[in-house]
Amino acid sequence: MDSLKEKILKKLERLPDNAQQEVLDFVQFLEWRKENCQKSLLSVVSEELDEESDAGWLETDLSNLGSYEPYDWQPGELDKGLPIKYVPGMGVVIVEE
């Protein structure tokens, strides 16, 4: 019995050039999808690790923050950003213009 690759090659050889190009495009799509799926899975794992790290930060004792000197921002160090304001119960929100 022929192997799967041999069956595919036999059928491929009988196809016209434009159909062979479509097969090539499809195979390239399958390769792309496999690569991007793996990257997507890696980013999900990375996000889960980031969430654990965020939780650790939120549980950190920040009671001694007042003992540090305030940071002296230099001109040009901060780019101009969106206007924000603090809303009690909501936190910091972007001010709509």
PDB file of N, CA and C in Angstrom:
ATOM      1  N   MET A   1       0.843  -1.187   0.000  1.00  0.00           N
ATOM      2  CA  MET A   1       0.000   0.000   0.000  1.00  0.00           C
ATOM      3  C   MET A   1       0.886   1.248   0.000  1.00  0.00           C
ATOM      4  N   ASP A   2       0.484   2.269  -0.758  1.00  0.00           N
ATOM      5  CA  ASP A   2       1.248   3.505  -0.860  1.00  0.00           C
ATOM      6  C   ASP A   2       1.177   4.291   0.443  1.00  0.00           C
ATOM      7  N   SER A   3       2.270   4.951   0.726  1.00  0.00           N
ATOM      8  CA  SER A   3       2.255   5.829   1.898  1.00  0.00           C
ATOM      9  C   SER A   3       1.432   7.074   1.566  1.00  0.00           C
ATOM     10  N   LEU A   4       1.051   7.801   2.582  1.00  0.00           N
ATOM     11  CA  LEU A   4       0.244   9.006   2.395  1.00  0.00           C
ATOM     12  C   LEU A   4       0.966  10.018   1.507  1.00  0.00           C
ATOM     13  N   LYS A   5       2.267  10.200   1.724  1.00  0.00           N
ATOM     14  CA  LYS A   5       3.039  11.156   0.917  1.00  0.00           C
ATOM     15  C   LYS A   5       3.029  10.760  -0.549  1.00  0.00           C
ATOM     16  N   GLU A   6       3.163   9.454  -0.822  1.00  0.00           N
ATOM     17  CA  GLU A   6       3.155   8.997  -2.212  1.00  0.00           C
ATOM     18  C   GLU A   6       1.806   9.250  -2.861  1.00  0.00           C
ATOM     19  N   LYS A   7       0.728   9.027  -2.131  1.00  0.00           N
ATOM     20  CA  LYS A   7      -0.608   9.288  -2.666  1.00  0.00           C
ATOM     21  C   LYS A   7      -0.775  10.771  -3.001  1.00  0.00           C
ATOM     22  N   ILE A   8      -0.316  11.603  -2.085  1.00  0.00           N
ATOM     23  CA  ILE A   8      -0.419  13.054  -2.312  1.00  0.00           C
ATOM     24  C   ILE A   8       0.392  13.450  -3.539  1.00  0.00           C
ATOM     25  N   LEU A   9       1.624  12.946  -3.650  1.00  0.00           N
ATOM     26  CA  LEU A   9       2.478  13.295  -4.787  1.00  0.00           C
ATOM     27  C   LEU A   9       1.873  12.848  -6.107  1.00  0.00           C
ATOM     28  N   LYS A  10       1.282  11.658  -6.145  1.00  0.00           N
ATOM     29  CA  LYS A  10       0.660  11.173  -7.382  1.00  0.00           C
ATOM     30  C   LYS A  10      -0.483  12.076  -7.803  1.00  0.00           C
ATOM     31  N   LYS A  11      -1.311  12.462  -6.851  1.00  0.00           N
ATOM     32  CA  LYS A  11      -2.435  13.350  -7.166  1.00  0.00           C
ATOM     33  C   LYS A  11      -1.932  14.729  -7.564  1.00  0.00           C
ATOM     34  N   LEU A  12      -0.907  15.205  -6.891  1.00  0.00           N
ATOM     35  CA  LEU A  12      -0.341  16.520  -7.173  1.00  0.00           C
ATOM     36  C   LEU A  12       0.230  16.589  -8.580  1.00  0.00           C
ATOM     37  N   GLU A  13       0.884  15.527  -9.011  1.00  0.00           N
ATOM     38  CA  GLU A  13       1.476  15.494 -10.350  1.00  0.00           C
ATOM     39  C   GLU A  13       0.422  15.603 -11.445  1.00  0.00           C
ATOM     40  N   ARG A  14      -0.799  15.176 -11.174  1.00  0.00           N
ATOM     41  CA  ARG A  14      -1.862  15.220 -12.183  1.00  0.00           C
ATOM     42  C   ARG A  14      -2.580  16.564 -12.226  1.00  0.00           C
ATOM     43  N   LEU A  15      -2.316  17.416 -11.256  1.00  0.00           N
ATOM     44  CA  LEU A  15      -2.981  18.722 -11.217  1.00  0.00           C
ATOM     45  C   LEU A  15      -2.304  19.711 -12.162  1.00  0.00           C
ATOM     46  N   PRO A  16      -3.071  20.650 -12.745  1.00  0.00           N
ATOM     47  CA  PRO A  16      -2.461  21.724 -13.551  1.00  0.00           C
ATOM     48  C   PRO A  16      -1.648  22.658 -12.650  1.00  0.00           C
ATOM     49  N   ASP A  17      -0.774  23.434 -13.256  1.00  0.00           N
ATOM     50  CA  ASP A  17       0.125  24.321 -12.507  1.00  0.00           C
ATOM     51  C   ASP A  17      -0.615  25.250 -11.552  1.00  0.00           C
ATOM     52  N   ASN A  18      -1.736  25.845 -12.015  1.00  0.00           N
ATOM     53  CA  ASN A  18      -2.444  26.794 -11.139  1.00  0.00           C
ATOM     54  C   ASN A  18      -3.011  26.088  -9.908  1.00  0.00           C
ATOM     55  N   ALA A  19      -3.451  24.833 -10.062  1.00  0.00           N
ATOM     56  CA  ALA A  19      -3.949  24.076  -8.910  1.00  0.00           C
ATOM     57  C   ALA A  19      -2.795  23.693  -7.992  1.00  0.00           C
ATOM     58  N   GLN A  20      -1.627  23.388  -8.555  1.00  0.00           N
ATOM     59  CA  GLN A  20      -0.454  23.079  -7.733  1.00  0.00           C
ATOM     60  C   GLN A  20      -0.056  24.300  -6.906  1.00  0.00           C
ATOM     61  N   GLN A  21      -0.204  25.492  -7.497  1.00  0.00           N
ATOM     62  CA  GLN A  21       0.098  26.726  -6.761  1.00  0.00           C
ATOM     63  C   GLN A  21      -0.859  26.886  -5.583  1.00  0.00           C
ATOM     64  N   GLU A  22      -2.131  26.546  -5.791  1.00  0.00           N
ATOM     65  CA  GLU A  22      -3.103  26.611  -4.702  1.00  0.00           C
ATOM     66  C   GLU A  22      -2.738  25.645  -3.578  1.00  0.00           C
ATOM     67  N   VAL A  23      -2.277  24.455  -3.945  1.00  0.00           N
ATOM     68  CA  VAL A  23      -1.854  23.477  -2.944  1.00  0.00           C
ATOM     69  C   VAL A  23      -0.672  24.024  -2.161  1.00  0.00           C
ATOM     70  N   LEU A  24       0.284  24.618  -2.856  1.00  0.00           N
ATOM     71  CA  LEU A  24       1.444  25.209  -2.186  1.00  0.00           C
ATOM     72  C   LEU A  24       1.005  26.314  -1.230  1.00  0.00           C
ATOM     73  N   ASP A  25       0.090  27.169  -1.685  1.00  0.00           N
ATOM     74  CA  ASP A  25      -0.415  28.240  -0.823  1.00  0.00           C
ATOM     75  C   ASP A  25      -1.059  27.667   0.440  1.00  0.00           C
ATOM     76  N   PHE A  26      -1.817  26.591   0.265  1.00  0.00           N
ATOM     77  CA  PHE A  26      -2.489  25.981   1.407  1.00  0.00           C
ATOM     78  C   PHE A  26      -1.475  25.383   2.388  1.00  0.00           C
ATOM     79  N   VAL A  27      -0.455  24.730   1.856  1.00  0.00           N
ATOM     80  CA  VAL A  27       0.577  24.145   2.723  1.00  0.00           C
ATOM     81  C   VAL A  27       1.298  25.254   3.488  1.00  0.00           C
ATOM     82  N   GLN A  28       1.573  26.370   2.821  1.00  0.00           N
ATOM     83  CA  GLN A  28       2.212  27.494   3.506  1.00  0.00           C
ATOM     84  C   GLN A  28       1.305  28.062   4.590  1.00  0.00           C
ATOM     85  N   PHE A  29       0.000  28.112   4.319  1.00  0.00           N
ATOM     86  CA  PHE A  29      -0.950  28.555   5.338  1.00  0.00           C
ATOM     87  C   PHE A  29      -0.915  27.620   6.547  1.00  0.00           C
ATOM     88  N   LEU A  30      -0.893  26.313   6.302  1.00  0.00           N
ATOM     89  CA  LEU A  30      -0.843  25.347   7.406  1.00  0.00           C
ATOM     90  C   LEU A  30       0.410  25.540   8.250  1.00  0.00           C
ATOM     91  N   GLU A  31       1.546  25.796   7.583  1.00  0.00           N
ATOM     92  CA  GLU A  31       2.790  26.046   8.317  1.00  0.00           C
ATOM     93  C   GLU A  31       2.671  27.312   9.149  1.00  0.00           C
ATOM     94  N   TRP A  32       2.113  28.362   8.548  1.00  0.00           N
ATOM     95  CA  TRP A  32       1.940  29.640   9.248  1.00  0.00           C
ATOM     96  C   TRP A  32       1.046  29.463  10.465  1.00  0.00           C
ATOM     97  N   ARG A  33      -0.078  28.746  10.283  1.00  0.00           N
ATOM     98  CA  ARG A  33      -1.029  28.537  11.369  1.00  0.00           C
ATOM     99  C   ARG A  33      -0.374  27.769  12.521  1.00  0.00           C
ATOM    100  N   LYS A  34       0.403  26.746  12.190  1.00  0.00           N
ATOM    101  CA  LYS A  34       1.076  25.964  13.225  1.00  0.00           C
ATOM    102  C   LYS A  34       2.049  26.846  14.019  1.00  0.00           C
ATOM    103  N   GLU A  35       2.823  27.649  13.309  1.00  0.00           N
ATOM    104  CA  GLU A  35       3.800  28.529  13.960  1.00  0.00           C
ATOM    105  C   GLU A  35       3.108  29.555  14.851  1.00  0.00           C
ATOM    106  N   ASN A  36       2.042  30.162  14.341  1.00  0.00           N
ATOM    107  CA  ASN A  36       1.351  31.192  15.111  1.00  0.00           C
ATOM    108  C   ASN A  36       0.556  30.614  16.264  1.00  0.00           C
ATOM    109  N   CYS A  37       0.071  29.416  16.126  1.00  0.00           N
ATOM    110  CA  CYS A  37      -0.635  28.758  17.222  1.00  0.00           C
ATOM    111  C   CYS A  37       0.339  28.505  18.370  1.00  0.00           C
ATOM    112  N   GLN A  38       1.560  28.077  18.044  1.00  0.00           N
ATOM    113  CA  GLN A  38       2.564  27.839  19.077  1.00  0.00           C
ATOM    114  C   GLN A  38       2.930  29.149  19.767  1.00  0.00           C
ATOM    115  N   LYS A  39       3.077  30.224  18.987  1.00  0.00           N
ATOM    116  CA  LYS A  39       3.385  31.527  19.574  1.00  0.00           C
ATOM    117  C   LYS A  39       2.245  31.971  20.477  1.00  0.00           C
ATOM    118  N   SER A  40       1.003  31.736  20.033  1.00  0.00           N
ATOM    119  CA  SER A  40      -0.163  32.121  20.814  1.00  0.00           C
ATOM    120  C   SER A  40      -0.184  31.372  22.139  1.00  0.00           C
ATOM    121  N   LEU A  41       0.110  30.078  22.106  1.00  0.00           N
ATOM    122  CA  LEU A  41       0.142  29.293  23.338  1.00  0.00           C
ATOM    123  C   LEU A  41       1.232  29.797  24.271  1.00  0.00           C
ATOM    124  N   LEU A  42       2.383  30.174  23.696  1.00  0.00           N
ATOM    125  CA  LEU A  42       3.466  30.699  24.522  1.00  0.00           C
ATOM    126  C   LEU A  42       3.061  32.019  25.167  1.00  0.00           C
ATOM    127  N   SER A  43       2.332  32.868  24.437  1.00  0.00           N
ATOM    128  CA  SER A  43       1.934  34.149  25.007  1.00  0.00           C
ATOM    129  C   SER A  43       0.912  33.952  26.120  1.00  0.00           C
ATOM    130  N   VAL A  44       0.045  32.935  26.012  1.00  0.00           N
ATOM    131  CA  VAL A  44      -0.921  32.649  27.077  1.00  0.00           C
ATOM    132  C   VAL A  44      -0.178  32.234  28.335  1.00  0.00           C
ATOM    133  N   VAL A  45       0.820  31.371  28.197  1.00  0.00           N
ATOM    134  CA  VAL A  45       1.617  30.951  29.349  1.00  0.00           C
ATOM    135  C   VAL A  45       2.329  32.157  29.939  1.00  0.00           C
ATOM    136  N   SER A  46       2.877  33.013  29.075  1.00  0.00           N
ATOM    137  CA  SER A  46       3.577  34.207  29.533  1.00  0.00           C
ATOM    138  C   SER A  46       2.628  35.127  30.288  1.00  0.00           C
ATOM    139  N   GLU A  47       1.394  35.302  29.781  1.00  0.00           N
ATOM    140  CA  GLU A  47       0.418  36.154  30.456  1.00  0.00           C
ATOM    141  C   GLU A  47       0.066  35.591  31.829  1.00  0.00           C
ATOM    142  N   GLU A  48      -0.061  34.260  31.923  1.00  0.00           N
ATOM    143  CA  GLU A  48      -0.374  33.655  33.212  1.00  0.00           C
ATOM    144  C   GLU A  48       0.751  33.913  34.204  1.00  0.00           C
ATOM    145  N   LEU A  49       2.004  33.850  33.741  1.00  0.00           N
ATOM    146  CA  LEU A  49       3.131  34.136  34.627  1.00  0.00           C
ATOM    147  C   LEU A  49       3.124  35.595  35.041  1.00  0.00           C
ATOM    148  N   ASP A  50       2.788  36.498  34.096  1.00  0.00           N
ATOM    149  CA  ASP A  50       2.716  37.920  34.408  1.00  0.00           C
ATOM    150  C   ASP A  50       1.652  38.191  35.466  1.00  0.00           C
ATOM    151  N   GLU A  51       0.500  37.497  35.366  1.00  0.00           N
ATOM    152  CA  GLU A  51      -0.571  37.688  36.337  1.00  0.00           C
ATOM    153  C   GLU A  51      -0.107  37.275  37.732  1.00  0.00           C
ATOM    154  N   GLU A  52       0.665  36.176  37.821  1.00  0.00           N
ATOM    155  CA  GLU A  52       1.192  35.749  39.111  1.00  0.00           C
ATOM    156  C   GLU A  52       2.140  36.803  39.663  1.00  0.00           C
ATOM    157  N   SER A  53       2.961  37.372  38.797  1.00  0.00           N
ATOM    158  CA  SER A  53       3.899  38.403  39.204  1.00  0.00           C
ATOM    159  C   SER A  53       3.147  39.662  39.632  1.00  0.00           C
ATOM    160  N   ASP A  54       2.060  40.003  38.925  1.00  0.00           N
ATOM    161  CA  ASP A  54       1.244  41.156  39.300  1.00  0.00           C
ATOM    162  C   ASP A  54       0.618  40.943  40.671  1.00  0.00           C
ATOM    163  N   ALA A  55       0.129  39.741  40.920  1.00  0.00           N
ATOM    164  CA  ALA A  55      -0.494  39.441  42.208  1.00  0.00           C
ATOM    165  C   ALA A  55       0.531  39.620  43.325  1.00  0.00           C
ATOM    166  N   GLY A  56       1.752  39.176  43.074  1.00  0.00           N
ATOM    167  CA  GLY A  56       2.808  39.343  44.062  1.00  0.00           C
ATOM    168  C   GLY A  56       3.080  40.810  44.345  1.00  0.00           C
ATOM    169  N   TRP A  57       3.094  41.621  43.319  1.00  0.00           N
ATOM    170  CA  TRP A  57       3.329  43.058  43.473  1.00  0.00           C
ATOM    171  C   TRP A  57       2.213  43.694  44.294  1.00  0.00           C
ATOM    172  N   LEU A  58       0.973  43.300  44.015  1.00  0.00           N
ATOM    173  CA  LEU A  58      -0.154  43.882  44.728  1.00  0.00           C
ATOM    174  C   LEU A  58      -0.142  43.520  46.211  1.00  0.00           C
ATOM    175  N   GLU A  59       0.456  42.398  46.548  1.00  0.00           N
ATOM    176  CA  GLU A  59       0.501  41.951  47.941  1.00  0.00           C
ATOM    177  C   GLU A  59       1.754  42.442  48.667  1.00  0.00           C
ATOM    178  N   THR A  60       2.592  43.185  47.978  1.00  0.00           N
ATOM    179  CA  THR A  60       3.831  43.675  48.570  1.00  0.00           C
ATOM    180  C   THR A  60       3.542  44.740  49.631  1.00  0.00           C
ATOM    181  N   ASP A  61       4.342  44.735  50.699  1.00  0.00           N
ATOM    182  CA  ASP A  61       4.217  45.744  51.752  1.00  0.00           C
ATOM    183  C   ASP A  61       4.851  47.039  51.258  1.00  0.00           C
ATOM    184  N   LEU A  62       4.018  48.032  51.026  1.00  0.00           N
ATOM    185  CA  LEU A  62       4.505  49.317  50.510  1.00  0.00           C
ATOM    186  C   LEU A  62       4.515  50.394  51.594  1.00  0.00           C
ATOM    187  N   SER A  63       4.458  49.995  52.834  1.00  0.00           N
ATOM    188  CA  SER A  63       4.349  50.956  53.928  1.00  0.00           C
ATOM    189  C   SER A  63       5.579  51.854  54.063  1.00  0.00           C
ATOM    190  N   ASN A  64       6.723  51.430  53.543  1.00  0.00           N
ATOM    191  CA  ASN A  64       7.937  52.256  53.691  1.00  0.00           C
ATOM    192  C   ASN A  64       8.246  53.086  52.438  1.00  0.00           C
ATOM    193  N   LEU A  65       7.298  53.213  51.539  1.00  0.00           N
ATOM    194  CA  LEU A  65       7.554  54.003  50.329  1.00  0.00           C
ATOM    195  C   LEU A  65       7.910  55.453  50.643  1.00  0.00           C
ATOM    196  N   GLY A  66       7.365  55.977  51.714  1.00  0.00           N
ATOM    197  CA  GLY A  66       7.644  57.364  52.088  1.00  0.00           C
ATOM    198  C   GLY A  66       9.088  57.610  52.468  1.00  0.00           C
ATOM    199  N   SER A  67       9.853  56.569  52.717  1.00  0.00           N
ATOM    200  CA  SER A  67      11.251  56.744  53.111  1.00  0.00           C
ATOM    201  C   SER A  67      12.162  56.970  51.902  1.00  0.00           C
ATOM    202  N   TYR A  68      11.649  56.806  50.697  1.00  0.00           N
ATOM    203  CA  TYR A  68      12.459  57.019  49.493  1.00  0.00           C
ATOM    204  C   TYR A  68      12.331  58.454  49.011  1.00  0.00           C
ATOM    205  N   GLU A  69      13.407  58.935  48.386  1.00  0.00           N
ATOM    206  CA  GLU A  69      13.379  60.268  47.786  1.00  0.00           C
ATOM    207  C   GLU A  69      12.507  60.230  46.536  1.00  0.00           C
ATOM    208  N   PRO A  70      11.729  61.282  46.277  1.00  0.00           N
ATOM    209  CA  PRO A  70      10.929  61.299  45.048  1.00  0.00           C
ATOM    210  C   PRO A  70      11.854  61.347  43.829  1.00  0.00           C
ATOM    211  N   TYR A  71      11.420  60.740  42.744  1.00  0.00           N
ATOM    212  CA  TYR A  71      12.218  60.733  41.529  1.00  0.00           C
ATOM    213  C   TYR A  71      12.144  62.099  40.881  1.00  0.00           C
ATOM    214  N   ASP A  72      13.287  62.596  40.427  1.00  0.00           N
ATOM    215  CA  ASP A  72      13.362  63.901  39.788  1.00  0.00           C
ATOM    216  C   ASP A  72      13.323  63.709  38.270  1.00  0.00           C
ATOM    217  N   TRP A  73      12.144  63.889  37.673  1.00  0.00           N
ATOM    218  CA  TRP A  73      12.008  63.728  36.230  1.00  0.00           C
ATOM    219  C   TRP A  73      12.765  64.830  35.514  1.00  0.00           C
ATOM    220  N   GLN A  74      13.464  64.474  34.479  1.00  0.00           N
ATOM    221  CA  GLN A  74      14.228  65.424  33.691  1.00  0.00           C
ATOM    222  C   GLN A  74      13.420  65.858  32.470  1.00  0.00           C
ATOM    223  N   PRO A  75      13.684  67.064  31.949  1.00  0.00           N
ATOM    224  CA  PRO A  75      12.952  67.519  30.762  1.00  0.00           C
ATOM    225  C   PRO A  75      13.093  66.515  29.606  1.00  0.00           C
ATOM    226  N   GLY A  76      11.978  66.224  28.964  1.00  0.00           N
ATOM    227  CA  GLY A  76      11.988  65.304  27.837  1.00  0.00           C
ATOM    228  C   GLY A  76      11.921  63.840  28.229  1.00  0.00           C
ATOM    229  N   GLU A  77      11.985  63.553  29.519  1.00  0.00           N
ATOM    230  CA  GLU A  77      11.974  62.163  29.964  1.00  0.00           C
ATOM    231  C   GLU A  77      10.589  61.537  29.834  1.00  0.00           C
ATOM    232  N   LEU A  78       9.586  62.329  29.978  1.00  0.00           N
ATOM    233  CA  LEU A  78       8.214  61.848  29.830  1.00  0.00           C
ATOM    234  C   LEU A  78       7.608  62.440  28.565  1.00  0.00           C
ATOM    235  N   ASP A  79       7.076  61.593  27.721  1.00  0.00           N
ATOM    236  CA  ASP A  79       6.368  62.099  26.551  1.00  0.00           C
ATOM    237  C   ASP A  79       4.994  62.581  26.987  1.00  0.00           C
ATOM    238  N   LYS A  80       4.426  63.448  26.178  1.00  0.00           N
ATOM    239  CA  LYS A  80       3.102  63.942  26.480  1.00  0.00           C
ATOM    240  C   LYS A  80       2.104  62.813  26.287  1.00  0.00           C
ATOM    241  N   GLY A  81       1.275  62.563  27.272  1.00  0.00           N
ATOM    242  CA  GLY A  81       0.314  61.468  27.209  1.00  0.00           C
ATOM    243  C   GLY A  81      -1.111  61.969  27.263  1.00  0.00           C
ATOM    244  N   LEU A  82      -2.007  61.075  27.525  1.00  0.00           N
ATOM    245  CA  LEU A  82      -3.420  61.416  27.632  1.00  0.00           C
ATOM    246  C   LEU A  82      -3.708  62.031  28.991  1.00  0.00           C
ATOM    247  N   PRO A  83      -4.643  62.996  29.052  1.00  0.00           N
ATOM    248  CA  PRO A  83      -4.982  63.594  30.345  1.00  0.00           C
ATOM    249  C   PRO A  83      -5.751  62.585  31.204  1.00  0.00           C
ATOM    250  N   ILE A  84      -5.412  62.547  32.484  1.00  0.00           N
ATOM    251  CA  ILE A  84      -6.063  61.608  33.403  1.00  0.00           C
ATOM    252  C   ILE A  84      -6.533  62.338  34.643  1.00  0.00           C
ATOM    253  N   LYS A  85      -7.424  61.708  35.397  1.00  0.00           N
ATOM    254  CA  LYS A  85      -7.837  62.237  36.699  1.00  0.00           C
ATOM    255  C   LYS A  85      -8.217  61.058  37.584  1.00  0.00           C
ATOM    256  N   TYR A  86      -8.183  61.290  38.887  1.00  0.00           N
ATOM    257  CA  TYR A  86      -8.562  60.245  39.843  1.00  0.00           C
ATOM    258  C   TYR A  86     -10.046  60.388  40.156  1.00  0.00           C
ATOM    259  N   VAL A  87     -10.771  59.290  40.042  1.00  0.00           N
ATOM    260  CA  VAL A  87     -12.190  59.262  40.371  1.00  0.00           C
ATOM    261  C   VAL A  87     -12.357  58.298  41.540  1.00  0.00           C
ATOM    262  N   PRO A  88     -12.819  58.780  42.701  1.00  0.00           N
ATOM    263  CA  PRO A  88     -12.998  57.888  43.851  1.00  0.00           C
ATOM    264  C   PRO A  88     -13.886  56.690  43.487  1.00  0.00           C
ATOM    265  N   GLY A  89     -13.462  55.534  43.900  1.00  0.00           N
ATOM    266  CA  GLY A  89     -14.209  54.314  43.614  1.00  0.00           C
ATOM    267  C   GLY A  89     -13.875  53.701  42.269  1.00  0.00           C
ATOM    268  N   MET A  90     -13.264  54.480  41.372  1.00  0.00           N
ATOM    269  CA  MET A  90     -12.894  53.963  40.051  1.00  0.00           C
ATOM    270  C   MET A  90     -11.385  53.924  39.865  1.00  0.00           C
ATOM    271  N   GLY A  91     -10.702  54.873  40.455  1.00  0.00           N
ATOM    272  CA  GLY A  91      -9.262  54.967  40.269  1.00  0.00           C
ATOM    273  C   GLY A  91      -8.931  56.024  39.228  1.00  0.00           C
ATOM    274  N   VAL A  92      -7.808  55.838  38.566  1.00  0.00           N
ATOM    275  CA  VAL A  92      -7.345  56.787  37.560  1.00  0.00           C
ATOM    276  C   VAL A  92      -8.046  56.496  36.243  1.00  0.00           C
ATOM    277  N   VAL A  93      -8.630  57.514  35.642  1.00  0.00           N
ATOM    278  CA  VAL A  93      -9.329  57.355  34.365  1.00  0.00           C
ATOM    279  C   VAL A  93      -8.828  58.401  33.371  1.00  0.00           C
ATOM    280  N   ILE A  94      -8.929  58.097  32.117  1.00  0.00           N
ATOM    281  CA  ILE A  94      -8.551  59.039  31.060  1.00  0.00           C
ATOM    282  C   ILE A  94      -9.674  60.057  30.908  1.00  0.00           C
ATOM    283  N   VAL A  95      -9.295  61.338  30.858  1.00  0.00           N
ATOM    284  CA  VAL A  95     -10.269  62.411  30.711  1.00  0.00           C
ATOM    285  C   VAL A  95     -10.629  62.519  29.241  1.00  0.00           C
ATOM    286  N   GLU A  96     -11.905  62.414  28.946  1.00  0.00           N
ATOM    287  CA  GLU A  96     -12.382  62.576  27.563  1.00  0.00           C
ATOM    288  C   GLU A  96     -12.329  64.051  27.192  1.00  0.00           C
ATOM    289  N   GLU A  97     -11.816  64.319  25.989  1.00  0.00           N
ATOM    290  CA  GLU A  97     -11.718  65.729  25.557  1.00  0.00           C
ATOM    291  C   GLU A  97     -12.966  66.147  24.834  1.00  0.00           C
TER     292      GLU A  97
END
